[in-house]
C-alpha atoms as a PDB file:
ATOM      1  CA  UNK A   1     -20.891  57.351 -39.021  1.00  0.00           C
ATOM      2  CA  UNK A   2     -19.888  60.013 -41.493  1.00  0.00           C
ATOM      3  CA  UNK A   3     -18.565  63.014 -39.530  1.00  0.00           C
ATOM      4  CA  UNK A   4     -17.928  66.579 -40.619  1.00  0.00           C
ATOM      5  CA  UNK A   5     -14.425  67.862 -39.869  1.00  0.00           C
ATOM      6  CA  UNK A   6     -14.162  69.663 -36.523  1.00  0.00           C
ATOM      7  CA  UNK A   7     -14.120  73.452 -36.768  1.00  0.00           C
ATOM      8  CA  UNK A   8     -10.790  75.106 -35.980  1.00  0.00           C
ATOM      9  CA  UNK A   9     -10.688  76.931 -32.661  1.00  0.00           C
ATOM     10  CA  UNK A  10     -10.867  80.700 -32.864  1.00  0.00           C
ATOM     11  CA  UNK A  11      -7.534  82.363 -32.043  1.00  0.00           C
ATOM     12  CA  UNK A  12      -7.140  83.502 -28.465  1.00  0.00           C
ATOM     13  CA  UNK A  13      -9.032  80.657 -26.813  1.00  0.00           C
ATOM     14  CA  UNK A  14      -5.728  79.117 -25.803  1.00  0.00           C
ATOM     15  CA  UNK A  15      -5.175  82.005 -23.371  1.00  0.00           C
ATOM     16  CA  UNK A  16      -8.674  81.776 -21.896  1.00  0.00           C
ATOM     17  CA  UNK A  17      -8.763  77.985 -21.535  1.00  0.00           C
ATOM     18  CA  UNK A  18      -5.220  76.732 -20.859  1.00  0.00           C
ATOM     19  CA  UNK A  19      -4.514  73.272 -22.289  1.00  0.00           C
ATOM     20  CA  UNK A  20      -3.365  71.845 -18.988  1.00  0.00           C
ATOM     21  CA  UNK A  21      -6.820  72.191 -17.440  1.00  0.00           C
ATOM     22  CA  UNK A  22      -8.191  68.644 -17.634  1.00  0.00           C
ATOM     23  CA  UNK A  23     -11.662  69.912 -18.442  1.00  0.00           C
ATOM     24  CA  UNK A  24     -10.451  71.161 -21.801  1.00  0.00           C
ATOM     25  CA  UNK A  25      -8.315  68.176 -22.742  1.00  0.00           C
ATOM     26  CA  UNK A  26      -8.594  67.002 -26.345  1.00  0.00           C
ATOM     27  CA  UNK A  27     -10.413  63.846 -25.342  1.00  0.00           C
ATOM     28  CA  UNK A  28     -12.450  62.716 -22.365  1.00  0.00           C
ATOM     29  CA  UNK A  29     -11.971  58.950 -22.104  1.00  0.00           C
ATOM     30  CA  UNK A  30     -14.878  57.054 -20.600  1.00  0.00           C
ATOM     31  CA  UNK A  31     -15.417  53.344 -20.100  1.00  0.00           C
ATOM     32  CA  UNK A  32     -18.828  51.723 -19.746  1.00  0.00           C
ATOM     33  CA  UNK A  33     -19.909  48.120 -19.223  1.00  0.00           C
ATOM     34  CA  UNK A  34     -22.934  46.610 -20.963  1.00  0.00           C
ATOM     35  CA  UNK A  35     -24.454  43.144 -20.729  1.00  0.00           C
ATOM     36  CA  UNK A  36     -26.039  41.428 -23.762  1.00  0.00           C
ATOM     37  CA  UNK A  37     -26.667  37.798 -24.692  1.00  0.00           C
ATOM     38  CA  UNK A  38     -24.631  36.519 -21.731  1.00  0.00           C
ATOM     39  CA  UNK A  39     -21.597  38.678 -22.596  1.00  0.00           C
ATOM     40  CA  UNK A  40     -20.294  41.669 -20.643  1.00  0.00           C
ATOM     41  CA  UNK A  41     -18.809  44.295 -22.950  1.00  0.00           C
ATOM     42  CA  UNK A  42     -16.384  46.971 -21.736  1.00  0.00           C
ATOM     43  CA  UNK A  43     -16.564  49.850 -24.211  1.00  0.00           C
ATOM     44  CA  UNK A  44     -14.123  52.781 -24.319  1.00  0.00           C
ATOM     45  CA  UNK A  45     -15.448  56.100 -25.626  1.00  0.00           C
ATOM     46  CA  UNK A  46     -12.989  58.891 -26.424  1.00  0.00           C
ATOM     47  CA  UNK A  47     -15.129  62.028 -26.328  1.00  0.00           C
ATOM     48  CA  UNK A  48     -13.715  65.133 -27.987  1.00  0.00           C
ATOM     49  CA  UNK A  49     -13.637  67.214 -31.142  1.00  0.00           C
ATOM     50  CA  UNK A  50     -11.576  64.708 -33.120  1.00  0.00           C
ATOM     51  CA  UNK A  51     -14.005  61.793 -32.920  1.00  0.00           C
ATOM     52  CA  UNK A  52     -17.166  63.868 -32.513  1.00  0.00           C
ATOM     53  CA  UNK A  53     -20.269  61.708 -32.987  1.00  0.00           C
ATOM     54  CA  UNK A  54     -18.148  58.551 -33.433  1.00  0.00           C
ATOM     55  CA  UNK A  55     -17.070  58.608 -29.773  1.00  0.00           C
ATOM     56  CA  UNK A  56     -20.172  57.700 -27.764  1.00  0.00           C
ATOM     57  CA  UNK A  57     -22.300  54.588 -27.558  1.00  0.00           C
ATOM     58  CA  UNK A  58     -25.607  55.803 -28.995  1.00  0.00           C
ATOM     59  CA  UNK A  59     -28.928  54.545 -27.652  1.00  0.00           C
ATOM     60  CA  UNK A  60     -29.833  53.144 -31.087  1.00  0.00           C
ATOM     61  CA  UNK A  61     -26.795  50.822 -30.873  1.00  0.00           C
ATOM     62  CA  UNK A  62     -27.894  49.536 -27.456  1.00  0.00           C
ATOM     63  CA  UNK A  63     -31.438  49.054 -28.774  1.00  0.00           C
ATOM     64  CA  UNK A  64     -30.080  46.966 -31.663  1.00  0.00           C
ATOM     65  CA  UNK A  65     -28.008  44.858 -29.236  1.00  0.00           C
ATOM     66  CA  UNK A  66     -31.116  44.316 -27.078  1.00  0.00           C
ATOM     67  CA  UNK A  67     -33.022  43.319 -30.217  1.00  0.00           C
ATOM     68  CA  UNK A  68     -30.388  40.659 -31.044  1.00  0.00           C
ATOM     69  CA  UNK A  69     -30.794  39.328 -27.502  1.00  0.00           C
ATOM     70  CA  UNK A  70     -34.603  39.314 -27.631  1.00  0.00           C
ATOM     71  CA  UNK A  71     -34.731  37.666 -31.074  1.00  0.00           C
ATOM     72  CA  UNK A  72     -31.930  35.236 -30.162  1.00  0.00           C
ATOM     73  CA  UNK A  73     -30.277  36.098 -33.479  1.00  0.00           C
ATOM     74  CA  UNK A  74     -27.715  33.568 -34.587  1.00  0.00           C
ATOM     75  CA  UNK A  75     -24.634  34.854 -36.405  1.00  0.00           C
ATOM     76  CA  UNK A  76     -22.707  31.561 -36.372  1.00  0.00           C
ATOM     77  CA  UNK A  77     -20.776  31.156 -39.586  1.00  0.00           C
ATOM     78  CA  UNK A  78     -22.415  34.257 -41.094  1.00  0.00           C
ATOM     79  CA  UNK A  79     -20.646  37.031 -43.000  1.00  0.00           C
ATOM     80  CA  UNK A  80     -21.498  40.327 -41.292  1.00  0.00           C
ATOM     81  CA  UNK A  81     -20.550  43.960 -41.933  1.00  0.00           C
ATOM     82  CA  UNK A  82     -21.260  46.946 -39.674  1.00  0.00           C
ATOM     83  CA  UNK A  83     -21.357  50.446 -41.177  1.00  0.00           C
ATOM     84  CA  UNK A  84     -20.505  53.609 -39.227  1.00  0.00           C
ATOM     85  CA  UNK A  85     -19.564  51.521 -36.225  1.00  0.00           C
ATOM     86  CA  UNK A  86     -18.329  54.329 -33.913  1.00  0.00           C
ATOM     87  CA  UNK A  87     -17.356  52.334 -30.820  1.00  0.00           C
ATOM     88  CA  UNK A  88     -17.886  48.992 -32.558  1.00  0.00           C
ATOM     89  CA  UNK A  89     -20.281  47.652 -29.906  1.00  0.00           C
ATOM     90  CA  UNK A  90     -22.775  46.170 -32.398  1.00  0.00           C
ATOM     91  CA  UNK A  91     -20.113  44.472 -34.531  1.00  0.00           C
ATOM     92  CA  UNK A  92     -18.311  43.203 -31.435  1.00  0.00           C
ATOM     93  CA  UNK A  93     -21.503  41.600 -30.127  1.00  0.00           C
ATOM     94  CA  UNK A  94     -22.111  40.006 -33.552  1.00  0.00           C
ATOM     95  CA  UNK A  95     -18.551  38.584 -33.375  1.00  0.00           C
ATOM     96  CA  UNK A  96     -19.149  37.162 -29.896  1.00  0.00           C
ATOM     97  CA  UNK A  97     -22.368  35.607 -31.261  1.00  0.00           C
ATOM     98  CA  UNK A  98     -20.329  33.699 -33.837  1.00  0.00           C
ATOM     99  CA  UNK A  99     -20.220  36.025 -36.831  1.00  0.00           C
ATOM    100  CA  UNK A 100     -17.332  36.655 -39.191  1.00  0.00           C
ATOM    101  CA  UNK A 101     -17.567  40.436 -38.883  1.00  0.00           C
ATOM    102  CA  UNK A 102     -16.102  43.388 -40.775  1.00  0.00           C
ATOM    103  CA  UNK A 103     -16.450  46.494 -38.581  1.00  0.00           C
ATOM    104  CA  UNK A 104     -16.185  49.734 -40.569  1.00  0.00           C
ATOM    105  CA  UNK A 105     -16.169  53.501 -40.122  1.00  0.00           C
ATOM    106  CA  UNK A 106     -14.189  56.487 -41.313  1.00  0.00           C
ATOM    107  CA  UNK A 107     -10.409  56.225 -40.698  1.00  0.00           C
ATOM    108  CA  UNK A 108     -10.403  58.488 -37.621  1.00  0.00           C
ATOM    109  CA  UNK A 109     -12.692  56.093 -35.687  1.00  0.00           C
ATOM    110  CA  UNK A 110     -10.712  52.914 -36.330  1.00  0.00           C
ATOM    111  CA  UNK A 111      -8.322  53.234 -33.382  1.00  0.00           C
ATOM    112  CA  UNK A 112     -11.220  53.400 -30.905  1.00  0.00           C
ATOM    113  CA  UNK A 113     -12.943  50.417 -32.561  1.00  0.00           C
ATOM    114  CA  UNK A 114      -9.716  48.395 -32.554  1.00  0.00           C
ATOM    115  CA  UNK A 115      -9.222  49.147 -28.845  1.00  0.00           C
ATOM    116  CA  UNK A 116     -12.738  47.905 -28.078  1.00  0.00           C
ATOM    117  CA  UNK A 117     -12.318  44.790 -30.205  1.00  0.00           C
ATOM    118  CA  UNK A 118      -9.142  43.880 -28.269  1.00  0.00           C
ATOM    119  CA  UNK A 119     -10.869  44.566 -24.935  1.00  0.00           C
ATOM    120  CA  UNK A 120     -13.827  42.323 -25.681  1.00  0.00           C
ATOM    121  CA  UNK A 121     -13.037  39.651 -28.265  1.00  0.00           C
ATOM    122  CA  UNK A 122     -10.966  36.699 -26.950  1.00  0.00           C
ATOM    123  CA  UNK A 123      -7.620  36.291 -28.742  1.00  0.00           C
ATOM    124  CA  UNK A 124      -8.762  32.984 -30.241  1.00  0.00           C
ATOM    125  CA  UNK A 125     -11.584  34.778 -32.089  1.00  0.00           C
ATOM    126  CA  UNK A 126      -9.819  38.013 -33.116  1.00  0.00           C
ATOM    127  CA  UNK A 127      -9.487  36.779 -36.699  1.00  0.00           C
ATOM    128  CA  UNK A 128     -13.291  36.977 -36.956  1.00  0.00           C
ATOM    129  CA  UNK A 129     -13.372  40.725 -36.174  1.00  0.00           C
ATOM    130  CA  UNK A 130     -11.807  42.735 -38.990  1.00  0.00           C
ATOM    131  CA  UNK A 131     -11.654  46.531 -38.529  1.00  0.00           C
ATOM    132  CA  UNK A 132     -11.291  48.686 -41.634  1.00  0.00           C
ATOM    133  CA  UNK A 133     -12.126  52.036 -43.180  1.00  0.00           C
ATOM    134  CA  UNK A 134     -15.164  52.412 -45.412  1.00  0.00           C
ATOM    135  CA  UNK A 135     -16.238  55.797 -46.778  1.00  0.00           C
ATOM    136  CA  UNK A 136     -19.757  55.408 -48.165  1.00  0.00           C
ATOM    137  CA  UNK A 137     -20.114  55.909 -51.877  1.00  0.00           C
ATOM    138  CA  UNK A 138     -16.326  56.080 -52.359  1.00  0.00           C
ATOM    139  CA  UNK A 139     -14.581  52.807 -51.566  1.00  0.00           C
ATOM    140  CA  UNK A 140     -17.589  50.511 -50.985  1.00  0.00           C
ATOM    141  CA  UNK A 141     -16.742  48.536 -54.129  1.00  0.00           C
ATOM    142  CA  UNK A 142     -13.587  47.245 -52.426  1.00  0.00           C
ATOM    143  CA  UNK A 143     -15.867  45.213 -50.145  1.00  0.00           C
ATOM    144  CA  UNK A 144     -17.616  41.907 -50.738  1.00  0.00           C
ATOM    145  CA  UNK A 145     -21.127  41.697 -52.089  1.00  0.00           C
ATOM    146  CA  UNK A 146     -23.846  39.548 -50.576  1.00  0.00           C
ATOM    147  CA  UNK A 147     -23.108  39.710 -46.841  1.00  0.00           C
ATOM    148  CA  UNK A 148     -25.497  37.642 -44.727  1.00  0.00           C
ATOM    149  CA  UNK A 149     -26.078  40.604 -42.422  1.00  0.00           C
ATOM    150  CA  UNK A 150     -25.448  44.335 -42.822  1.00  0.00           C
ATOM    151  CA  UNK A 151     -25.783  46.340 -39.601  1.00  0.00           C
ATOM    152  CA  UNK A 152     -26.043  50.050 -38.861  1.00  0.00           C
ATOM    153  CA  UNK A 153     -26.962  51.914 -35.665  1.00  0.00           C
ATOM    154  CA  UNK A 154     -27.725  55.647 -35.748  1.00  0.00           C
ATOM    155  CA  UNK A 155     -26.084  56.159 -39.123  1.00  0.00           C
ATOM    156  CA  UNK A 156     -29.064  57.950 -40.715  1.00  0.00           C
ATOM    157  CA  UNK A 157     -28.752  61.555 -39.554  1.00  0.00           C
ATOM    158  CA  UNK A 158     -26.863  63.572 -42.202  1.00  0.00           C
ATOM    159  CA  UNK A 159     -29.070  64.223 -45.217  1.00  0.00           C
ATOM    160  CA  UNK A 160     -26.105  64.786 -47.558  1.00  0.00           C
ATOM    161  CA  UNK A 161     -24.865  61.253 -46.862  1.00  0.00           C
ATOM    162  CA  UNK A 162     -28.181  59.489 -47.634  1.00  0.00           C
ATOM    163  CA  UNK A 163     -27.454  58.874 -51.365  1.00  0.00           C
ATOM    164  CA  UNK A 164     -23.953  57.620 -50.452  1.00  0.00           C
ATOM    165  CA  UNK A 165     -25.372  55.236 -47.852  1.00  0.00           C
ATOM    166  CA  UNK A 166     -27.983  53.923 -50.327  1.00  0.00           C
ATOM    167  CA  UNK A 167     -25.263  53.351 -52.956  1.00  0.00           C
ATOM    168  CA  UNK A 168     -23.150  51.466 -50.406  1.00  0.00           C
ATOM    169  CA  UNK A 169     -26.069  49.315 -49.206  1.00  0.00           C
ATOM    170  CA  UNK A 170     -26.967  48.466 -52.803  1.00  0.00           C
ATOM    171  CA  UNK A 171     -23.427  47.221 -53.402  1.00  0.00           C
ATOM    172  CA  UNK A 172     -23.178  45.203 -50.176  1.00  0.00           C
ATOM    173  CA  UNK A 173     -26.685  43.712 -50.223  1.00  0.00           C
ATOM    174  CA  UNK A 174     -27.248  40.539 -52.219  1.00  0.00           C
ATOM    175  CA  UNK A 175     -30.484  38.585 -52.722  1.00  0.00           C
ATOM    176  CA  UNK A 176     -29.943  36.707 -49.438  1.00  0.00           C
ATOM    177  CA  UNK A 177     -28.725  39.612 -47.282  1.00  0.00           C
ATOM    178  CA  UNK A 178     -30.616  41.002 -44.305  1.00  0.00           C
ATOM    179  CA  UNK A 179     -29.954  44.611 -43.286  1.00  0.00           C
ATOM    180  CA  UNK A 180     -30.784  45.814 -39.761  1.00  0.00           C
ATOM    181  CA  UNK A 181     -30.830  49.599 -39.329  1.00  0.00           C
ATOM    182  CA  UNK A 182     -31.539  51.083 -35.914  1.00  0.00           C
ATOM    183  CA  UNK A 183     -32.288  54.818 -35.852  1.00  0.00           C
ATOM    184  CA  UNK A 184     -33.385  57.584 -33.552  1.00  0.00           C
ATOM    185  CA  UNK A 185     -36.197  59.108 -35.618  1.00  0.00           C
ATOM    186  CA  UNK A 186     -34.988  62.707 -35.537  1.00  0.00           C
ATOM    187  CA  UNK A 187     -37.333  65.042 -37.373  1.00  0.00           C
ATOM    188  CA  UNK A 188     -34.673  67.734 -37.775  1.00  0.00           C
ATOM    189  CA  UNK A 189     -32.447  65.281 -39.669  1.00  0.00           C
ATOM    190  CA  UNK A 190     -35.223  64.008 -41.974  1.00  0.00           C
ATOM    191  CA  UNK A 191     -34.563  60.452 -40.757  1.00  0.00           C
ATOM    192  CA  UNK A 192     -38.110  59.412 -41.709  1.00  0.00           C
ATOM    193  CA  UNK A 193     -37.541  60.682 -45.278  1.00  0.00           C
ATOM    194  CA  UNK A 194     -34.684  58.186 -45.661  1.00  0.00           C
ATOM    195  CA  UNK A 195     -36.824  55.263 -44.498  1.00  0.00           C
ATOM    196  CA  UNK A 196     -40.125  56.248 -46.087  1.00  0.00           C
ATOM    197  CA  UNK A 197     -39.015  57.788 -49.408  1.00  0.00           C
ATOM    198  CA  UNK A 198     -35.424  56.796 -50.312  1.00  0.00           C
ATOM    199  CA  UNK A 199     -34.947  53.269 -48.972  1.00  0.00           C
ATOM    200  CA  UNK A 200     -38.161  51.811 -50.526  1.00  0.00           C
ATOM    201  CA  UNK A 201     -36.967  52.854 -54.000  1.00  0.00           C
ATOM    202  CA  UNK A 202     -34.311  50.145 -53.839  1.00  0.00           C
ATOM    203  CA  UNK A 203     -35.182  47.784 -50.969  1.00  0.00           C
ATOM    204  CA  UNK A 204     -38.039  45.970 -49.257  1.00  0.00           C
ATOM    205  CA  UNK A 205     -38.252  47.380 -45.742  1.00  0.00           C
ATOM    206  CA  UNK A 206     -40.333  46.630 -42.659  1.00  0.00           C
ATOM    207  CA  UNK A 207     -40.431  48.069 -39.145  1.00  0.00           C
ATOM    208  CA  UNK A 208     -39.126  45.203 -37.014  1.00  0.00           C
ATOM    209  CA  UNK A 209     -39.210  46.954 -33.629  1.00  0.00           C
ATOM    210  CA  UNK A 210     -40.056  50.337 -32.136  1.00  0.00           C
ATOM    211  CA  UNK A 211     -38.970  51.778 -28.784  1.00  0.00           C
ATOM    212  CA  UNK A 212     -41.606  54.421 -28.120  1.00  0.00           C
ATOM    213  CA  UNK A 213     -39.804  55.926 -25.112  1.00  0.00           C
ATOM    214  CA  UNK A 214     -36.526  56.471 -26.970  1.00  0.00           C
ATOM    215  CA  UNK A 215     -38.190  57.164 -30.372  1.00  0.00           C
ATOM    216  CA  UNK A 216     -35.970  54.492 -31.950  1.00  0.00           C
ATOM    217  CA  UNK A 217     -37.003  52.274 -34.860  1.00  0.00           C
ATOM    218  CA  UNK A 218     -35.296  49.111 -36.066  1.00  0.00           C
ATOM    219  CA  UNK A 219     -35.917  48.302 -39.725  1.00  0.00           C
ATOM    220  CA  UNK A 220     -35.390  44.915 -41.328  1.00  0.00           C
ATOM    221  CA  UNK A 221     -34.380  45.537 -44.929  1.00  0.00           C
ATOM    222  CA  UNK A 222     -33.883  43.108 -47.803  1.00  0.00           C
ATOM    223  CA  UNK A 223     -33.224  43.196 -51.522  1.00  0.00           C
ATOM    224  CA  UNK A 224     -36.374  43.695 -53.625  1.00  0.00           C
ATOM    225  CA  UNK A 225     -35.385  40.526 -55.487  1.00  0.00           C
ATOM    226  CA  UNK A 226     -36.006  38.690 -52.230  1.00  0.00           C
ATOM    227  CA  UNK A 227     -39.353  40.276 -51.361  1.00  0.00           C
END
């Protein structure tokens, strides 16, 4: 999830809202349990200005996890990368389902992801869950090409980042890769423009699942060479 820097507080707020009041602490830690594919995941979320949209578990991530469960997706022995992981829940589930997973986000989110990996992935399998920074369009070329699966949940919401995300997906996606993108279809963020106008220029894309109540779509995306 690419996140704009938090705005500095206006001067004088310190006097109005003293730091020691818990309500105005820098972060609001929360812990939630989720059950998918026979695994119970305990996910920490550090809400606050620093992590911003990277802190919470977004509904699109849960929808993607449910989709894995419903489709009985098998990640055994597969190379997987998650983009804009936030809490890491999707990548963690892929690890527990046998994948060799690289879980990525901007540097500020990595501590939260690492915490959740250690909470949920047994020590014997920790080597299969690698957490590292990836800034779309900047350092994507440091990563492998041709992953088996590329995953992203609610990462299509900032129009300025769309070309960077496309560039990154083009690098990571080989002829045998499958990309799963789960998105809340927010009109105000031109999410549909990404899927209907930008993505088809470079990839073959199909709507794999739609949650009408939550207005969430899951797209299955492959290289045009493979279509």
